[in-house]
Amino acid sequence: MKLHKASYGLKRSPRLWYQLFPTALEELGMMPVPSVNCLFTDGTILVLFYVNDCYGHRTEGQHHQ
């Protein structure tokens, strides 16, 4: 029997996560920053991920009056 999913503690789990998460971000309209492999943006939102940690930040846009 072979497990086809990532499971906590498996040696290949981080690699599977690294393959899955960027694909999901791209499906949401995020684009990778060429010089930083783990940073994605859509112009107003930044998403940084490393191993199993993820950080998001929203930049302030122009204020409308």
N, C-alpha and C. Protein backbone atom coordinates (compact mmCIF):
# COMPACT_ATOMS: atom_id res chain seq x y z
N MET A 1 0.84 -1.16 0.00
CA MET A 1 0.00 0.00 0.00
C MET A 1 0.90 1.24 0.00
N LYS A 2 0.56 2.22 -0.84
CA LYS A 2 1.35 3.44 -0.94
C LYS A 2 0.46 4.64 -0.64
N LEU A 3 0.93 5.51 0.23
CA LEU A 3 0.21 6.72 0.59
C LEU A 3 0.50 7.79 -0.46
N HIS A 4 -0.55 8.39 -1.02
CA HIS A 4 -0.39 9.39 -2.08
C HIS A 4 -0.63 10.81 -1.58
N LYS A 5 -0.67 11.01 -0.29
CA LYS A 5 -0.87 12.34 0.28
C LYS A 5 0.26 12.65 1.24
N ALA A 6 0.42 13.93 1.52
CA ALA A 6 1.41 14.34 2.51
C ALA A 6 0.86 14.06 3.90
N SER A 7 1.68 13.56 4.74
CA SER A 7 1.29 13.29 6.12
C SER A 7 2.37 13.87 7.02
N TYR A 8 1.96 14.42 8.16
CA TYR A 8 2.90 15.05 9.08
C TYR A 8 4.02 14.09 9.44
N GLY A 9 5.24 14.54 9.32
CA GLY A 9 6.40 13.75 9.72
C GLY A 9 7.04 12.97 8.60
N LEU A 10 6.39 12.84 7.46
CA LEU A 10 7.00 12.12 6.35
C LEU A 10 8.09 12.98 5.71
N LYS A 11 9.11 12.32 5.21
CA LYS A 11 10.24 13.03 4.61
C LYS A 11 9.82 13.86 3.40
N ARG A 12 8.86 13.38 2.64
CA ARG A 12 8.47 14.08 1.41
C ARG A 12 7.37 15.11 1.61
N SER A 13 6.82 15.22 2.80
CA SER A 13 5.71 16.14 3.04
C SER A 13 6.04 17.60 2.72
N PRO A 14 7.20 18.13 3.14
CA PRO A 14 7.50 19.53 2.79
C PRO A 14 7.55 19.77 1.28
N ARG A 15 8.08 18.82 0.55
CA ARG A 15 8.16 18.97 -0.91
C ARG A 15 6.76 18.97 -1.54
N LEU A 16 5.90 18.07 -1.07
CA LEU A 16 4.53 18.04 -1.58
C LEU A 16 3.80 19.34 -1.27
N TRP A 17 4.01 19.88 -0.06
CA TRP A 17 3.41 21.16 0.32
C TRP A 17 3.92 22.27 -0.60
N TYR A 18 5.22 22.28 -0.88
CA TYR A 18 5.82 23.31 -1.73
C TYR A 18 5.27 23.22 -3.15
N GLN A 19 4.91 22.03 -3.61
CA GLN A 19 4.33 21.88 -4.94
C GLN A 19 2.86 22.29 -4.97
N LEU A 20 2.13 22.03 -3.91
CA LEU A 20 0.69 22.29 -3.87
C LEU A 20 0.36 23.75 -3.58
N PHE A 21 1.00 24.35 -2.60
CA PHE A 21 0.62 25.69 -2.15
C PHE A 21 0.81 26.76 -3.22
N PRO A 22 1.95 26.82 -3.93
CA PRO A 22 2.09 27.83 -4.98
C PRO A 22 1.04 27.68 -6.09
N THR A 23 0.68 26.46 -6.42
CA THR A 23 -0.34 26.23 -7.43
C THR A 23 -1.67 26.81 -6.98
N ALA A 24 -2.01 26.61 -5.72
CA ALA A 24 -3.26 27.17 -5.17
C ALA A 24 -3.22 28.69 -5.19
N LEU A 25 -2.08 29.28 -4.86
CA LEU A 25 -1.95 30.75 -4.89
C LEU A 25 -2.11 31.29 -6.31
N GLU A 26 -1.53 30.60 -7.28
CA GLU A 26 -1.64 31.03 -8.67
C GLU A 26 -3.07 30.93 -9.17
N GLU A 27 -3.81 29.91 -8.72
CA GLU A 27 -5.22 29.78 -9.09
C GLU A 27 -6.05 30.92 -8.51
N LEU A 28 -5.58 31.53 -7.44
CA LEU A 28 -6.26 32.67 -6.82
C LEU A 28 -5.82 34.01 -7.42
N GLY A 29 -4.96 33.97 -8.45
CA GLY A 29 -4.53 35.19 -9.11
C GLY A 29 -3.23 35.77 -8.60
N MET A 30 -2.55 35.07 -7.72
CA MET A 30 -1.27 35.54 -7.19
C MET A 30 -0.16 35.16 -8.18
N MET A 31 0.85 36.00 -8.26
CA MET A 31 2.00 35.75 -9.13
C MET A 31 3.26 35.65 -8.29
N PRO A 32 4.16 34.71 -8.62
CA PRO A 32 5.41 34.62 -7.86
C PRO A 32 6.32 35.80 -8.16
N VAL A 33 7.04 36.24 -7.14
CA VAL A 33 8.05 37.28 -7.31
C VAL A 33 9.31 36.57 -7.81
N PRO A 34 9.82 36.94 -8.99
CA PRO A 34 10.92 36.18 -9.61
C PRO A 34 12.17 36.00 -8.74
N SER A 35 12.53 36.99 -7.96
CA SER A 35 13.78 36.90 -7.20
C SER A 35 13.62 36.20 -5.85
N VAL A 36 12.38 35.91 -5.45
CA VAL A 36 12.13 35.27 -4.15
C VAL A 36 11.16 34.11 -4.37
N ASN A 37 11.64 32.88 -4.27
CA ASN A 37 10.83 31.71 -4.58
C ASN A 37 9.60 31.53 -3.71
N CYS A 38 9.62 32.06 -2.51
CA CYS A 38 8.52 31.80 -1.58
C CYS A 38 7.62 33.02 -1.37
N LEU A 39 7.69 34.02 -2.27
CA LEU A 39 6.89 35.24 -2.14
C LEU A 39 5.97 35.37 -3.35
N PHE A 40 4.68 35.59 -3.07
CA PHE A 40 3.67 35.76 -4.11
C PHE A 40 2.93 37.06 -3.86
N THR A 41 2.46 37.68 -4.95
CA THR A 41 1.71 38.93 -4.81
C THR A 41 0.67 39.05 -5.92
N ASP A 42 -0.36 39.83 -5.64
CA ASP A 42 -1.32 40.21 -6.68
C ASP A 42 -1.34 41.72 -6.84
N GLY A 43 -0.38 42.40 -6.27
CA GLY A 43 -0.30 43.85 -6.34
C GLY A 43 -0.72 44.54 -5.05
N THR A 44 -1.65 43.94 -4.33
CA THR A 44 -2.10 44.52 -3.06
C THR A 44 -1.88 43.59 -1.89
N ILE A 45 -1.73 42.31 -2.16
CA ILE A 45 -1.52 41.32 -1.10
C ILE A 45 -0.19 40.62 -1.32
N LEU A 46 0.58 40.47 -0.25
CA LEU A 46 1.82 39.71 -0.29
C LEU A 46 1.63 38.45 0.55
N VAL A 47 2.06 37.31 0.03
CA VAL A 47 2.03 36.05 0.77
C VAL A 47 3.43 35.47 0.75
N LEU A 48 3.98 35.25 1.92
CA LEU A 48 5.30 34.67 2.08
C LEU A 48 5.14 33.34 2.80
N PHE A 49 5.73 32.29 2.26
CA PHE A 49 5.67 31.01 2.97
C PHE A 49 7.05 30.37 3.00
N TYR A 50 7.31 29.68 4.08
CA TYR A 50 8.58 29.00 4.27
C TYR A 50 8.31 27.75 5.09
N VAL A 51 8.65 26.61 4.55
CA VAL A 51 8.39 25.30 5.14
C VAL A 51 6.89 25.21 5.43
N ASN A 52 6.46 25.24 6.68
CA ASN A 52 5.03 25.15 6.96
C ASN A 52 4.49 26.43 7.60
N ASP A 53 5.21 27.54 7.44
CA ASP A 53 4.77 28.82 7.97
C ASP A 53 4.31 29.71 6.81
N CYS A 54 3.29 30.50 7.06
CA CYS A 54 2.75 31.37 6.03
C CYS A 54 2.44 32.73 6.65
N TYR A 55 2.79 33.80 5.94
CA TYR A 55 2.54 35.16 6.42
C TYR A 55 1.89 35.95 5.29
N GLY A 56 0.83 36.65 5.59
CA GLY A 56 0.16 37.48 4.60
C GLY A 56 0.15 38.93 5.03
N HIS A 57 0.22 39.83 4.05
CA HIS A 57 0.21 41.27 4.33
C HIS A 57 -0.54 41.97 3.21
N ARG A 58 -1.42 42.88 3.58
CA ARG A 58 -2.15 43.68 2.61
C ARG A 58 -1.56 45.08 2.60
N THR A 59 -1.19 45.54 1.42
CA THR A 59 -0.64 46.89 1.30
C THR A 59 -1.79 47.88 1.23
N GLU A 60 -1.53 49.08 1.68
CA GLU A 60 -2.55 50.14 1.65
C GLU A 60 -2.66 50.66 0.23
N GLY A 61 -3.86 50.72 -0.29
CA GLY A 61 -4.11 51.28 -1.62
C GLY A 61 -4.39 52.76 -1.53
N GLN A 62 -4.71 53.35 -2.65
CA GLN A 62 -5.06 54.77 -2.67
C GLN A 62 -6.42 54.95 -2.00
N HIS A 63 -6.54 56.01 -1.24
CA HIS A 63 -7.80 56.31 -0.56
C HIS A 63 -8.67 57.16 -1.48
N HIS A 64 -9.91 56.79 -1.62
CA HIS A 64 -10.86 57.54 -2.44
C HIS A 64 -11.65 58.49 -1.56
N GLN A 65 -11.86 59.70 -2.06
CA GLN A 65 -12.65 60.68 -1.29
C GLN A 65 -14.00 60.89 -1.94
